[in-house]
Amino acid sequence: GKQRESVASITDGGITNYADSVKGRFAISRD
């Protein structure tokens, strides 16, 4: 019943971005 929303993203250089709702709780990384 809700729209799709962005949670987190990461560039190939390691720059990250998080939704306010998950900041401090989620962590994104790449191998």
PDB file of all heavy atoms in Angstrom:
ATOM      1  N   GLY A   1       0.775  -1.224   0.000  1.00  0.00           N
ATOM      2  CA  GLY A   1       0.000   0.000   0.000  1.00  0.00           C
ATOM      3  C   GLY A   1       0.807   1.275   0.000  1.00  0.00           C
ATOM      4  O   GLY A   1       0.220   2.365   0.062  1.00  0.00           O
ATOM      5  N   LYS A   2       2.127   1.175  -0.063  1.00  0.00           N
ATOM      6  CA  LYS A   2       2.979   2.349  -0.058  1.00  0.00           C
ATOM      7  C   LYS A   2       3.875   2.376  -1.289  1.00  0.00           C
ATOM      8  O   LYS A   2       4.093   1.362  -1.940  1.00  0.00           O
ATOM      9  CB  LYS A   2       3.828   2.394   1.212  1.00  0.00           C
ATOM     10  CG  LYS A   2       3.026   2.539   2.490  1.00  0.00           C
ATOM     11  CD  LYS A   2       3.928   2.738   3.691  1.00  0.00           C
ATOM     12  CE  LYS A   2       3.126   2.965   4.954  1.00  0.00           C
ATOM     13  NZ  LYS A   2       4.003   3.181   6.130  1.00  0.00           N
ATOM     14  N   GLN A   3       4.393   3.564  -1.587  1.00  0.00           N
ATOM     15  CA  GLN A   3       5.283   3.730  -2.721  1.00  0.00           C
ATOM     16  C   GLN A   3       6.677   3.208  -2.396  1.00  0.00           C
ATOM     17  O   GLN A   3       7.098   3.185  -1.240  1.00  0.00           O
ATOM     18  CB  GLN A   3       5.359   5.202  -3.128  1.00  0.00           C
ATOM     19  CG  GLN A   3       4.059   5.773  -3.681  1.00  0.00           C
ATOM     20  CD  GLN A   3       4.222   7.199  -4.159  1.00  0.00           C
ATOM     21  OE1 GLN A   3       5.050   7.945  -3.640  1.00  0.00           O
ATOM     22  NE2 GLN A   3       3.431   7.573  -5.151  1.00  0.00           N
ATOM     23  N   ARG A   4       7.381   2.805  -3.438  1.00  0.00           N
ATOM     24  CA  ARG A   4       8.753   2.387  -3.263  1.00  0.00           C
ATOM     25  C   ARG A   4       9.617   3.581  -2.872  1.00  0.00           C
ATOM     26  O   ARG A   4       9.472   4.676  -3.424  1.00  0.00           O
ATOM     27  CB  ARG A   4       9.273   1.750  -4.551  1.00  0.00           C
ATOM     28  CG  ARG A   4      10.652   1.131  -4.433  1.00  0.00           C
ATOM     29  CD  ARG A   4      11.030   0.371  -5.699  1.00  0.00           C
ATOM     30  NE  ARG A   4      10.124  -0.732  -5.961  1.00  0.00           N
ATOM     31  CZ  ARG A   4      10.285  -1.612  -6.941  1.00  0.00           C
ATOM     32  NH1 ARG A   4      11.335  -1.533  -7.746  1.00  0.00           N
ATOM     33  NH2 ARG A   4       9.392  -2.581  -7.115  1.00  0.00           N
ATOM     34  N   GLU A   5      10.520   3.375  -1.916  1.00  0.00           N
ATOM     35  CA  GLU A   5      11.358   4.454  -1.435  1.00  0.00           C
ATOM     36  C   GLU A   5      12.819   4.028  -1.402  1.00  0.00           C
ATOM     37  O   GLU A   5      13.142   2.855  -1.219  1.00  0.00           O
ATOM     38  CB  GLU A   5      10.921   4.910  -0.039  1.00  0.00           C
ATOM     39  CG  GLU A   5      11.053   3.844   1.032  1.00  0.00           C
ATOM     40  CD  GLU A   5      10.697   4.338   2.414  1.00  0.00           C
ATOM     41  OE1 GLU A   5      10.494   5.548   2.591  1.00  0.00           O
ATOM     42  OE2 GLU A   5      10.619   3.494   3.347  1.00  0.00           O
ATOM     43  N   SER A   6      13.683   5.009  -1.550  1.00  0.00           N
ATOM     44  CA  SER A   6      15.107   4.760  -1.472  1.00  0.00           C
ATOM     45  C   SER A   6      15.530   4.583  -0.021  1.00  0.00           C
ATOM     46  O   SER A   6      15.109   5.334   0.853  1.00  0.00           O
ATOM     47  CB  SER A   6      15.885   5.920  -2.101  1.00  0.00           C
ATOM     48  OG  SER A   6      17.278   5.743  -1.954  1.00  0.00           O
ATOM     49  N   VAL A   7      16.387   3.594   0.228  1.00  0.00           N
ATOM     50  CA  VAL A   7      16.891   3.308   1.564  1.00  0.00           C
ATOM     51  C   VAL A   7      18.335   3.773   1.712  1.00  0.00           C
ATOM     52  O   VAL A   7      18.680   4.478   2.656  1.00  0.00           O
ATOM     53  CB  VAL A   7      16.787   1.814   1.895  1.00  0.00           C
ATOM     54  CG1 VAL A   7      17.389   1.516   3.266  1.00  0.00           C
ATOM     55  CG2 VAL A   7      15.331   1.361   1.842  1.00  0.00           C
ATOM     56  N   ALA A   8      19.185   3.361   0.786  1.00  0.00           N
ATOM     57  CA  ALA A   8      20.600   3.704   0.846  1.00  0.00           C
ATOM     58  C   ALA A   8      21.231   3.491  -0.513  1.00  0.00           C
ATOM     59  O   ALA A   8      20.737   2.708  -1.320  1.00  0.00           O
ATOM     60  CB  ALA A   8      21.324   2.863   1.903  1.00  0.00           C
ATOM     61  N   SER A   9      22.330   4.182  -0.766  1.00  0.00           N
ATOM     62  CA  SER A   9      23.073   4.013  -2.001  1.00  0.00           C
ATOM     63  C   SER A   9      24.556   4.191  -1.733  1.00  0.00           C
ATOM     64  O   SER A   9      24.951   4.791  -0.729  1.00  0.00           O
ATOM     65  CB  SER A   9      22.598   4.998  -3.077  1.00  0.00           C
ATOM     66  OG  SER A   9      22.875   6.331  -2.690  1.00  0.00           O
ATOM     67  N   ILE A  10      25.363   3.672  -2.657  1.00  0.00           N
ATOM     68  CA  ILE A  10      26.810   3.789  -2.528  1.00  0.00           C
ATOM     69  C   ILE A  10      27.430   3.843  -3.916  1.00  0.00           C
ATOM     70  O   ILE A  10      27.041   3.102  -4.820  1.00  0.00           O
ATOM     71  CB  ILE A  10      27.389   2.621  -1.694  1.00  0.00           C
ATOM     72  CG1 ILE A  10      28.888   2.812  -1.477  1.00  0.00           C
ATOM     73  CG2 ILE A  10      27.075   1.282  -2.333  1.00  0.00           C
ATOM     74  CD1 ILE A  10      29.466   1.856  -0.440  1.00  0.00           C
ATOM     75  N   THR A  11      28.392   4.737  -4.103  1.00  0.00           N
ATOM     76  CA  THR A  11      29.098   4.848  -5.368  1.00  0.00           C
ATOM     77  C   THR A  11      30.270   3.884  -5.403  1.00  0.00           C
ATOM     78  O   THR A  11      30.646   3.293  -4.388  1.00  0.00           O
ATOM     79  CB  THR A  11      29.606   6.277  -5.598  1.00  0.00           C
ATOM     80  OG1 THR A  11      30.695   6.540  -4.692  1.00  0.00           O
ATOM     81  CG2 THR A  11      28.508   7.299  -5.373  1.00  0.00           C
ATOM     82  N   ASP A  12      30.870   3.738  -6.593  1.00  0.00           N
ATOM     83  CA  ASP A  12      32.034   2.865  -6.698  1.00  0.00           C
ATOM     84  C   ASP A  12      33.232   3.438  -5.951  1.00  0.00           C
ATOM     85  O   ASP A  12      34.206   2.723  -5.720  1.00  0.00           O
ATOM     86  CB  ASP A  12      32.391   2.589  -8.162  1.00  0.00           C
ATOM     87  CG  ASP A  12      32.574   3.850  -8.984  1.00  0.00           C
ATOM     88  OD1 ASP A  12      32.504   4.960  -8.434  1.00  0.00           O
ATOM     89  OD2 ASP A  12      32.779   3.709 -10.211  1.00  0.00           O
ATOM     90  N   GLY A  13      33.168   4.714  -5.587  1.00  0.00           N
ATOM     91  CA  GLY A  13      34.196   5.337  -4.780  1.00  0.00           C
ATOM     92  C   GLY A  13      33.923   5.305  -3.288  1.00  0.00           C
ATOM     93  O   GLY A  13      34.731   5.831  -2.508  1.00  0.00           O
ATOM     94  N   GLY A  14      32.800   4.722  -2.878  1.00  0.00           N
ATOM     95  CA  GLY A  14      32.502   4.565  -1.468  1.00  0.00           C
ATOM     96  C   GLY A  14      31.672   5.674  -0.846  1.00  0.00           C
ATOM     97  O   GLY A  14      31.498   5.699   0.377  1.00  0.00           O
ATOM     98  N   ILE A  15      31.155   6.597  -1.643  1.00  0.00           N
ATOM     99  CA  ILE A  15      30.300   7.654  -1.111  1.00  0.00           C
ATOM    100  C   ILE A  15      28.908   7.096  -0.856  1.00  0.00           C
ATOM    101  O   ILE A  15      28.298   6.501  -1.740  1.00  0.00           O
ATOM    102  CB  ILE A  15      30.231   8.842  -2.075  1.00  0.00           C
ATOM    103  CG1 ILE A  15      31.630   9.418  -2.309  1.00  0.00           C
ATOM    104  CG2 ILE A  15      29.295   9.918  -1.546  1.00  0.00           C
ATOM    105  CD1 ILE A  15      31.681  10.496  -3.359  1.00  0.00           C
ATOM    106  N   THR A  16      28.400   7.291   0.357  1.00  0.00           N
ATOM    107  CA  THR A  16      27.122   6.709   0.761  1.00  0.00           C
ATOM    108  C   THR A  16      26.068   7.771   0.996  1.00  0.00           C
ATOM    109  O   THR A  16      26.367   8.936   1.279  1.00  0.00           O
ATOM    110  CB  THR A  16      27.278   5.875   2.034  1.00  0.00           C
ATOM    111  OG1 THR A  16      27.768   6.710   3.096  1.00  0.00           O
ATOM    112  CG2 THR A  16      28.248   4.729   1.821  1.00  0.00           C
ATOM    113  N   ASN A  17      24.813   7.339   0.893  1.00  0.00           N
ATOM    114  CA  ASN A  17      23.673   8.189   1.180  1.00  0.00           C
ATOM    115  C   ASN A  17      22.589   7.328   1.810  1.00  0.00           C
ATOM    116  O   ASN A  17      22.364   6.192   1.378  1.00  0.00           O
ATOM    117  CB  ASN A  17      23.156   8.857  -0.090  1.00  0.00           C
ATOM    118  CG  ASN A  17      22.079   9.871   0.194  1.00  0.00           C
ATOM    119  OD1 ASN A  17      22.301  10.836   0.913  1.00  0.00           O
ATOM    120  ND2 ASN A  17      20.895   9.666  -0.374  1.00  0.00           N
ATOM    121  N   TYR A  18      21.913   7.866   2.839  1.00  0.00           N
ATOM    122  CA  TYR A  18      20.904   7.116   3.565  1.00  0.00           C
ATOM    123  C   TYR A  18      19.626   7.923   3.714  1.00  0.00           C
ATOM    124  O   TYR A  18      19.657   9.144   3.860  1.00  0.00           O
ATOM    125  CB  TYR A  18      21.393   6.744   4.969  1.00  0.00           C
ATOM    126  CG  TYR A  18      22.585   5.829   5.002  1.00  0.00           C
ATOM    127  CD1 TYR A  18      23.878   6.341   5.072  1.00  0.00           C
ATOM    128  CD2 TYR A  18      22.422   4.450   4.965  1.00  0.00           C
ATOM    129  CE1 TYR A  18      24.971   5.504   5.102  1.00  0.00           C
ATOM    130  CE2 TYR A  18      23.514   3.603   4.994  1.00  0.00           C
ATOM    131  CZ  TYR A  18      24.786   4.136   5.065  1.00  0.00           C
ATOM    132  OH  TYR A  18      25.879   3.296   5.098  1.00  0.00           O
ATOM    133  N   ALA A  19      18.510   7.215   3.704  1.00  0.00           N
ATOM    134  CA  ALA A  19      17.250   7.833   4.068  1.00  0.00           C
ATOM    135  C   ALA A  19      17.278   8.210   5.547  1.00  0.00           C
ATOM    136  O   ALA A  19      17.898   7.526   6.364  1.00  0.00           O
ATOM    137  CB  ALA A  19      16.086   6.884   3.795  1.00  0.00           C
ATOM    138  N   ASP A  20      16.601   9.298   5.894  1.00  0.00           N
ATOM    139  CA  ASP A  20      16.597   9.749   7.286  1.00  0.00           C
ATOM    140  C   ASP A  20      16.073   8.674   8.235  1.00  0.00           C
ATOM    141  O   ASP A  20      16.526   8.571   9.379  1.00  0.00           O
ATOM    142  CB  ASP A  20      15.747  11.013   7.430  1.00  0.00           C
ATOM    143  CG  ASP A  20      16.397  12.230   6.809  1.00  0.00           C
ATOM    144  OD1 ASP A  20      17.624  12.219   6.590  1.00  0.00           O
ATOM    145  OD2 ASP A  20      15.675  13.210   6.547  1.00  0.00           O
ATOM    146  N   SER A  21      15.148   7.874   7.775  1.00  0.00           N
ATOM    147  CA  SER A  21      14.523   6.873   8.617  1.00  0.00           C
ATOM    148  C   SER A  21      15.454   5.735   9.024  1.00  0.00           C
ATOM    149  O   SER A  21      15.156   4.998   9.969  1.00  0.00           O
ATOM    150  CB  SER A  21      13.284   6.293   7.928  1.00  0.00           C
ATOM    151  OG  SER A  21      13.632   5.686   6.700  1.00  0.00           O
ATOM    152  N   VAL A  22      16.583   5.578   8.326  1.00  0.00           N
ATOM    153  CA  VAL A  22      17.491   4.469   8.621  1.00  0.00           C
ATOM    154  C   VAL A  22      18.873   4.925   9.060  1.00  0.00           C
ATOM    155  O   VAL A  22      19.716   4.083   9.385  1.00  0.00           O
ATOM    156  CB  VAL A  22      17.625   3.514   7.424  1.00  0.00           C
ATOM    157  CG1 VAL A  22      16.255   3.036   6.964  1.00  0.00           C
ATOM    158  CG2 VAL A  22      18.371   4.175   6.278  1.00  0.00           C
ATOM    159  N   LYS A  23      19.111   6.210   9.093  1.00  0.00           N
ATOM    160  CA  LYS A  23      20.418   6.721   9.496  1.00  0.00           C
ATOM    161  C   LYS A  23      20.767   6.275  10.915  1.00  0.00           C
ATOM    162  O   LYS A  23      19.950   6.342  11.818  1.00  0.00           O
ATOM    163  CB  LYS A  23      20.446   8.247   9.416  1.00  0.00           C
ATOM    164  CG  LYS A  23      20.493   8.794   8.009  1.00  0.00           C
ATOM    165  CD  LYS A  23      20.549  10.312   8.003  1.00  0.00           C
ATOM    166  CE  LYS A  23      20.631  10.858   6.589  1.00  0.00           C
ATOM    167  NZ  LYS A  23      20.634  12.341   6.569  1.00  0.00           N
ATOM    168  N   GLY A  24      21.985   5.794  11.077  1.00  0.00           N
ATOM    169  CA  GLY A  24      22.435   5.313  12.366  1.00  0.00           C
ATOM    170  C   GLY A  24      22.089   3.873  12.642  1.00  0.00           C
ATOM    171  O   GLY A  24      22.593   3.299  13.618  1.00  0.00           O
ATOM    172  N   ARG A  25      21.252   3.272  11.808  1.00  0.00           N
ATOM    173  CA  ARG A  25      20.842   1.883  12.007  1.00  0.00           C
ATOM    174  C   ARG A  25      21.313   0.965  10.877  1.00  0.00           C
ATOM    175  O   ARG A  25      21.635  -0.197  11.119  1.00  0.00           O
ATOM    176  CB  ARG A  25      19.321   1.780  12.124  1.00  0.00           C
ATOM    177  CG  ARG A  25      18.747   2.578  13.290  1.00  0.00           C
ATOM    178  CD  ARG A  25      17.262   2.258  13.503  1.00  0.00           C
ATOM    179  NE  ARG A  25      16.449   2.635  12.349  1.00  0.00           N
ATOM    180  CZ  ARG A  25      15.706   1.786  11.638  1.00  0.00           C
ATOM    181  NH1 ARG A  25      15.673   0.502  11.977  1.00  0.00           N
ATOM    182  NH2 ARG A  25      14.990   2.224  10.614  1.00  0.00           N
ATOM    183  N   PHE A  26      21.321   1.470   9.648  1.00  0.00           N
ATOM    184  CA  PHE A  26      21.709   0.675   8.490  1.00  0.00           C
ATOM    185  C   PHE A  26      23.070   1.120   7.986  1.00  0.00           C
ATOM    186  O   PHE A  26      23.457   2.287   8.138  1.00  0.00           O
ATOM    187  CB  PHE A  26      20.704   0.828   7.354  1.00  0.00           C
ATOM    188  CG  PHE A  26      19.346   0.237   7.616  1.00  0.00           C
ATOM    189  CD1 PHE A  26      18.990  -0.268   8.858  1.00  0.00           C
ATOM    190  CD2 PHE A  26      18.409   0.197   6.598  1.00  0.00           C
ATOM    191  CE1 PHE A  26      17.737  -0.803   9.096  1.00  0.00           C
ATOM    192  CE2 PHE A  26      17.149  -0.336   6.812  1.00  0.00           C
ATOM    193  CZ  PHE A  26      16.812  -0.837   8.062  1.00  0.00           C
ATOM    194  N   ALA A  27      23.793   0.205   7.354  1.00  0.00           N
ATOM    195  CA  ALA A  27      25.079   0.515   6.742  1.00  0.00           C
ATOM    196  C   ALA A  27      25.194  -0.206   5.408  1.00  0.00           C
ATOM    197  O   ALA A  27      24.931  -1.405   5.329  1.00  0.00           O
ATOM    198  CB  ALA A  27      26.227   0.117   7.664  1.00  0.00           C
ATOM    199  N   ILE A  28      25.573   0.525   4.378  1.00  0.00           N
ATOM    200  CA  ILE A  28      25.716  -0.041   3.050  1.00  0.00           C
ATOM    201  C   ILE A  28      27.199  -0.127   2.693  1.00  0.00           C
ATOM    202  O   ILE A  28      27.988   0.743   3.062  1.00  0.00           O
ATOM    203  CB  ILE A  28      24.941   0.793   2.003  1.00  0.00           C
ATOM    204  CG1 ILE A  28      24.891   0.074   0.657  1.00  0.00           C
ATOM    205  CG2 ILE A  28      25.515   2.191   1.868  1.00  0.00           C
ATOM    206  CD1 ILE A  28      23.928   0.717  -0.334  1.00  0.00           C
ATOM    207  N   SER A  29      27.575  -1.184   1.987  1.00  0.00           N
ATOM    208  CA  SER A  29      28.960  -1.371   1.589  1.00  0.00           C
ATOM    209  C   SER A  29      29.027  -2.177   0.300  1.00  0.00           C
ATOM    210  O   SER A  29      28.050  -2.806  -0.108  1.00  0.00           O
ATOM    211  CB  SER A  29      29.763  -2.069   2.691  1.00  0.00           C
ATOM    212  OG  SER A  29      29.231  -3.355   2.965  1.00  0.00           O
ATOM    213  N   ARG A  30      30.210  -2.151  -0.347  1.00  0.00           N
ATOM    214  CA  ARG A  30      30.449  -2.924  -1.567  1.00  0.00           C
ATOM    215  C   ARG A  30      31.684  -3.790  -1.373  1.00  0.00           C
ATOM    216  O   ARG A  30      32.591  -3.444  -0.609  1.00  0.00           O
ATOM    217  CB  ARG A  30      30.644  -1.994  -2.764  1.00  0.00           C
ATOM    218  CG  ARG A  30      29.440  -1.157  -3.088  1.00  0.00           C
ATOM    219  CD  ARG A  30      29.701  -0.151  -4.188  1.00  0.00           C
ATOM    220  NE  ARG A  30      29.933  -0.787  -5.488  1.00  0.00           N
ATOM    221  CZ  ARG A  30      29.676  -0.200  -6.656  1.00  0.00           C
ATOM    222  NH1 ARG A  30      29.162   1.024  -6.683  1.00  0.00           N
ATOM    223  NH2 ARG A  30      29.944  -0.838  -7.780  1.00  0.00           N
ATOM    224  N   ASP A  31      31.717  -4.920  -2.080  1.00  0.00           N
ATOM    225  CA  ASP A  31      32.888  -5.785  -1.977  1.00  0.00           C
ATOM    226  C   ASP A  31      34.010  -5.266  -2.871  1.00  0.00           C
ATOM    227  O   ASP A  31      33.824  -4.323  -3.656  1.00  0.00           O
ATOM    228  CB  ASP A  31      32.523  -7.238  -2.292  1.00  0.00           C
ATOM    229  CG  ASP A  31      32.209  -7.484  -3.750  1.00  0.00           C
ATOM    230  OD1 ASP A  31      32.320  -6.562  -4.576  1.00  0.00           O
ATOM    231  OD2 ASP A  31      31.825  -8.626  -4.068  1.00  0.00           O
TER     232      ASP A  31
END
